[in-house]
Amino acid sequence: MDDAKTRTRRHILKAAADILEREGAQAVSTRSVAAAAGIRAASLYQVFGDKEGLLAALAIQAFDQYLAEKHAVAPTADPVEDMRRGWDIHVDFGLRHPAVYLLMFGTDRPGRRPPAADEAHDLLLAFLNRIAAAGRLRVPPTLAAHLCQAAATGVTLSLLAIPAPDRDLEISARMRETLISSLITDPPPVPEPGLASWALALDVALATADEPIPLRPTETALLRDWLQQLAH
């Protein structure tokens, strides 16, 4: 069961998040949040220390929400398609929560990177490691992850600077595909079947044939023996 301090913390964060979403980070002050939460400012200071501590807690909460949306989408067998979906989730989150996104990615907060931000980065890195394992990544995964984050953040912030009715989401899609084409190679062509493949296929066909084979059993056995040698 939550103790009183935990409940108070959650209540204050809820009030602060409502102000942030409705009016932006500039409206979040210890006085406005305390008033919205129906508590004394001294109680807020006891929990968060000061306004910077409150904003840091809001950023952590925002990254947790962002990460929950990322984890809600199950990975597929195609890591490149997963990368596309991850990009779209990132941009969509920013456009739905502009003030929260600006707090997460638009403010320079050195030394205050929330643990959930590192987890989000690791999630992206996992997709890129899968692509690298398939031999399709042009640059090291760590560099690719930084490039992806810089591009996705830049696109989202630029779209947020445009009035919602005038935004062209094609910009995001084009940037996404440009980034993918610069980082990822095309799948290798499927090799033409060689002698071993053909021999294996014929051996399987002989073993599973429903119709009679026009060979004597000894001939069939000898043929299959030859085919199995060719298949290795």
Protein backbone atom coordinates (compact mmCIF):
# COMPACT_ATOMS: atom_id res chain seq x y z
CA MET A 1 0.00 0.00 0.00
CA ASP A 2 1.30 3.49 -0.85
CA ASP A 3 2.39 5.60 2.08
CA ALA A 4 1.25 9.20 2.52
CA LYS A 5 4.38 10.69 0.94
CA THR A 6 3.99 8.53 -2.18
CA ARG A 7 0.34 9.55 -2.55
CA THR A 8 1.24 13.19 -2.08
CA ARG A 9 3.99 12.90 -4.69
CA ARG A 10 1.61 11.31 -7.20
CA HIS A 11 -1.03 13.95 -6.51
CA ILE A 12 1.44 16.81 -7.04
CA LEU A 13 2.79 15.26 -10.25
CA LYS A 14 -0.74 14.88 -11.59
CA ALA A 15 -1.47 18.54 -10.92
CA ALA A 16 1.86 19.61 -12.45
CA ALA A 17 1.36 17.42 -15.53
CA ASP A 18 -2.11 18.91 -16.11
CA ILE A 19 -0.67 22.43 -16.01
CA LEU A 20 2.22 21.40 -18.26
CA GLU A 21 -0.06 19.86 -20.90
CA ARG A 22 -2.54 22.73 -20.75
CA GLU A 23 -0.30 25.79 -20.48
CA GLY A 24 3.31 24.72 -21.11
CA ALA A 25 6.43 24.51 -18.94
CA GLN A 26 6.54 28.27 -18.30
CA ALA A 27 3.28 27.98 -16.35
CA VAL A 28 4.66 25.27 -14.06
CA SER A 29 5.73 26.97 -10.85
CA THR A 30 5.78 25.85 -7.27
CA ARG A 31 2.97 28.30 -6.51
CA SER A 32 0.71 27.26 -9.43
CA VAL A 33 1.23 23.55 -8.81
CA ALA A 34 0.67 23.86 -5.05
CA ALA A 35 -2.54 25.77 -5.69
CA ALA A 36 -3.77 23.23 -8.23
CA ALA A 37 -2.92 20.36 -5.88
CA GLY A 38 -4.55 22.10 -2.90
CA ILE A 39 -1.43 21.93 -0.75
CA ARG A 40 1.00 24.39 0.80
CA ALA A 41 4.11 25.26 -1.21
CA ALA A 42 6.18 23.99 1.71
CA SER A 43 4.76 20.50 1.15
CA LEU A 44 5.86 20.60 -2.47
CA TYR A 45 9.38 21.65 -1.46
CA GLN A 46 9.54 18.75 0.98
CA VAL A 47 8.84 16.26 -1.81
CA PHE A 48 10.71 17.76 -4.79
CA GLY A 49 13.11 20.29 -3.30
CA ASP A 50 12.42 23.07 -5.80
CA LYS A 51 10.98 23.77 -9.24
CA GLU A 52 13.92 22.11 -10.99
CA GLY A 53 13.32 18.96 -8.97
CA LEU A 54 9.66 19.03 -9.94
CA LEU A 55 10.48 19.45 -13.64
CA ALA A 56 12.99 16.62 -13.43
CA ALA A 57 10.32 14.36 -11.92
CA LEU A 58 7.90 15.35 -14.70
CA ALA A 59 10.52 14.46 -17.31
CA ILE A 60 11.04 11.04 -15.71
CA GLN A 61 7.28 10.44 -15.66
CA ALA A 62 7.01 11.52 -19.32
CA PHE A 63 9.76 9.13 -20.41
CA ASP A 64 8.03 6.31 -18.53
CA GLN A 65 4.81 7.05 -20.45
CA TYR A 66 6.71 7.26 -23.74
CA LEU A 67 8.46 3.97 -23.05
CA ALA A 68 5.18 2.26 -22.16
CA GLU A 69 3.81 3.17 -25.59
CA LYS A 70 6.97 1.79 -27.22
CA HIS A 71 6.73 -1.50 -25.31
CA ALA A 72 3.03 -1.86 -26.17
CA VAL A 73 4.01 -2.58 -29.80
CA ALA A 74 5.37 -6.11 -30.16
CA PRO A 75 8.45 -6.51 -32.37
CA THR A 76 8.11 -8.29 -35.68
CA ALA A 77 10.48 -10.49 -37.66
CA ASP A 78 11.53 -7.41 -39.66
CA PRO A 79 13.76 -5.08 -37.60
CA VAL A 80 13.73 -2.41 -40.31
CA GLU A 81 9.94 -2.26 -40.20
CA ASP A 82 10.16 -2.13 -36.39
CA MET A 83 12.49 0.85 -36.79
CA ARG A 84 9.89 2.60 -38.96
CA ARG A 85 7.17 1.96 -36.41
CA GLY A 86 9.42 3.18 -33.60
CA TRP A 87 10.04 6.42 -35.50
CA ASP A 88 6.32 6.96 -36.06
CA ILE A 89 5.54 6.30 -32.39
CA HIS A 90 8.19 8.84 -31.38
CA VAL A 91 6.86 11.58 -33.66
CA ASP A 92 3.23 10.84 -32.81
CA PHE A 93 3.95 11.03 -29.08
CA GLY A 94 5.58 14.43 -29.51
CA LEU A 95 2.69 15.82 -31.55
CA ARG A 96 0.11 14.54 -29.04
CA HIS A 97 2.04 15.84 -26.02
CA PRO A 98 3.90 18.95 -27.24
CA ALA A 99 4.67 20.53 -23.85
CA VAL A 100 5.76 17.20 -22.39
CA TYR A 101 7.92 16.49 -25.43
CA LEU A 102 9.60 19.88 -25.20
CA LEU A 103 10.40 19.15 -21.56
CA MET A 104 11.84 15.75 -22.52
CA PHE A 105 13.85 16.68 -25.59
CA GLY A 106 13.79 20.44 -26.02
CA THR A 107 15.44 21.52 -22.79
CA ASP A 108 19.14 21.21 -22.06
CA ARG A 109 19.28 19.33 -18.78
CA PRO A 110 22.86 18.02 -18.48
CA GLY A 111 23.35 15.36 -15.87
CA ARG A 112 19.61 14.82 -15.45
CA ARG A 113 18.91 12.23 -18.12
CA PRO A 114 16.09 10.05 -16.72
CA PRO A 115 16.74 6.27 -16.52
CA ALA A 116 13.77 5.73 -18.85
CA ALA A 117 15.54 7.82 -21.50
CA ASP A 118 18.45 5.39 -21.39
CA GLU A 119 16.00 2.50 -21.63
CA ALA A 120 14.38 4.07 -24.71
CA HIS A 121 17.84 4.46 -26.25
CA ASP A 122 18.63 0.80 -25.47
CA LEU A 123 15.36 -0.26 -27.12
CA LEU A 124 16.38 1.54 -30.32
CA LEU A 125 19.85 0.04 -30.08
CA ALA A 126 18.36 -3.46 -29.84
CA PHE A 127 16.56 -2.97 -33.19
CA LEU A 128 19.76 -1.70 -34.77
CA ASN A 129 21.77 -4.63 -33.39
CA ARG A 130 19.33 -7.00 -35.09
CA ILE A 131 19.85 -5.15 -38.37
CA ALA A 132 23.62 -5.26 -37.88
CA ALA A 133 23.47 -9.01 -37.18
CA ALA A 134 21.80 -9.45 -40.57
CA GLY A 135 24.73 -7.63 -42.19
CA ARG A 136 22.59 -4.68 -43.31
CA LEU A 137 23.86 -1.76 -41.18
CA ARG A 138 26.30 0.66 -42.83
CA VAL A 139 27.63 2.21 -39.59
CA PRO A 140 28.16 0.93 -36.02
CA PRO A 141 24.88 0.51 -34.09
CA THR A 142 25.81 3.11 -31.44
CA LEU A 143 26.39 5.78 -34.09
CA ALA A 144 23.23 4.75 -35.93
CA ALA A 145 21.21 5.09 -32.69
CA HIS A 146 22.47 8.64 -32.12
CA LEU A 147 21.71 9.58 -35.73
CA CYS A 148 18.19 8.13 -35.45
CA GLN A 149 17.47 9.99 -32.23
CA ALA A 150 18.85 13.27 -33.59
CA ALA A 151 16.79 12.98 -36.77
CA ALA A 152 13.53 11.94 -35.07
CA THR A 153 13.87 14.64 -32.40
CA GLY A 154 14.71 17.29 -34.99
CA VAL A 155 11.71 16.40 -37.15
CA THR A 156 9.34 16.37 -34.18
CA LEU A 157 10.55 19.71 -32.83
CA SER A 158 10.33 21.28 -36.29
CA LEU A 159 6.76 20.02 -36.73
CA LEU A 160 5.82 21.36 -33.30
CA ALA A 161 7.02 24.80 -34.40
CA ILE A 162 4.38 24.76 -37.17
CA PRO A 163 0.69 25.41 -36.37
CA ALA A 164 -1.13 22.08 -36.26
CA PRO A 165 -3.39 22.78 -39.28
CA ASP A 166 -0.35 23.57 -41.44
CA ARG A 167 1.79 20.54 -40.53
CA ASP A 168 2.75 18.19 -43.34
CA LEU A 169 3.41 14.75 -41.85
CA GLU A 170 4.96 13.71 -45.17
CA ILE A 171 8.07 15.54 -43.91
CA SER A 172 8.42 12.97 -41.14
CA ALA A 173 7.91 10.03 -43.51
CA ARG A 174 10.44 11.37 -46.02
CA MET A 175 13.05 12.05 -43.35
CA ARG A 176 12.49 8.57 -41.93
CA GLU A 177 13.02 6.89 -45.28
CA THR A 178 16.04 9.09 -46.08
CA LEU A 179 17.62 8.09 -42.79
CA ILE A 180 16.86 4.41 -43.30
CA SER A 181 18.31 4.41 -46.81
CA SER A 182 21.48 6.10 -45.54
CA LEU A 183 21.97 3.64 -42.66
CA ILE A 184 20.66 0.34 -43.98
CA THR A 185 21.53 -1.71 -47.05
CA ASP A 186 19.02 -3.62 -49.16
CA PRO A 187 18.47 -7.29 -48.28
CA PRO A 188 21.01 -9.55 -50.02
CA PRO A 189 19.59 -11.29 -53.08
CA VAL A 190 18.41 -14.85 -52.62
CA PRO A 191 21.11 -17.05 -54.18
CA GLU A 192 20.21 -19.30 -57.07
CA PRO A 193 19.87 -22.92 -55.96
CA GLY A 194 23.09 -24.85 -56.54
CA LEU A 195 23.72 -28.52 -57.23
CA ALA A 196 23.46 -29.42 -53.55
CA SER A 197 20.06 -27.73 -53.26
CA TRP A 198 18.70 -29.46 -56.33
CA ALA A 199 20.02 -32.84 -55.12
CA LEU A 200 18.42 -32.36 -51.71
CA ALA A 201 15.12 -31.31 -53.28
CA LEU A 202 15.05 -34.38 -55.56
CA ASP A 203 15.94 -36.70 -52.68
CA VAL A 204 13.06 -35.29 -50.62
CA ALA A 205 10.72 -35.66 -53.62
CA LEU A 206 11.71 -39.32 -54.03
CA ALA A 207 11.22 -39.97 -50.32
CA THR A 208 7.76 -38.37 -50.21
CA ALA A 209 6.39 -39.25 -53.66
CA ASP A 210 2.81 -40.54 -53.67
CA GLU A 211 3.00 -42.00 -57.18
CA PRO A 212 5.11 -45.06 -58.07
CA ILE A 213 8.74 -44.37 -59.01
CA PRO A 214 9.67 -46.04 -62.35
CA LEU A 215 12.82 -47.57 -60.86
CA ARG A 216 13.59 -50.83 -59.12
CA PRO A 217 14.02 -50.51 -55.34
CA THR A 218 17.75 -51.09 -55.61
CA GLU A 219 18.02 -48.37 -58.28
CA THR A 220 15.99 -45.97 -56.17
CA ALA A 221 18.19 -46.66 -53.15
CA LEU A 222 21.33 -46.14 -55.21
CA LEU A 223 19.99 -42.90 -56.71
CA ARG A 224 19.06 -41.58 -53.28
CA ASP A 225 22.51 -42.47 -51.99
CA TRP A 226 24.10 -40.48 -54.83
CA LEU A 227 21.74 -37.55 -54.23
CA GLN A 228 22.56 -37.47 -50.51
CA GLN A 229 26.27 -37.40 -51.33
CA LEU A 230 25.74 -34.51 -53.72
CA ALA A 231 23.71 -32.65 -51.13
CA HIS A 232 26.64 -32.48 -48.69
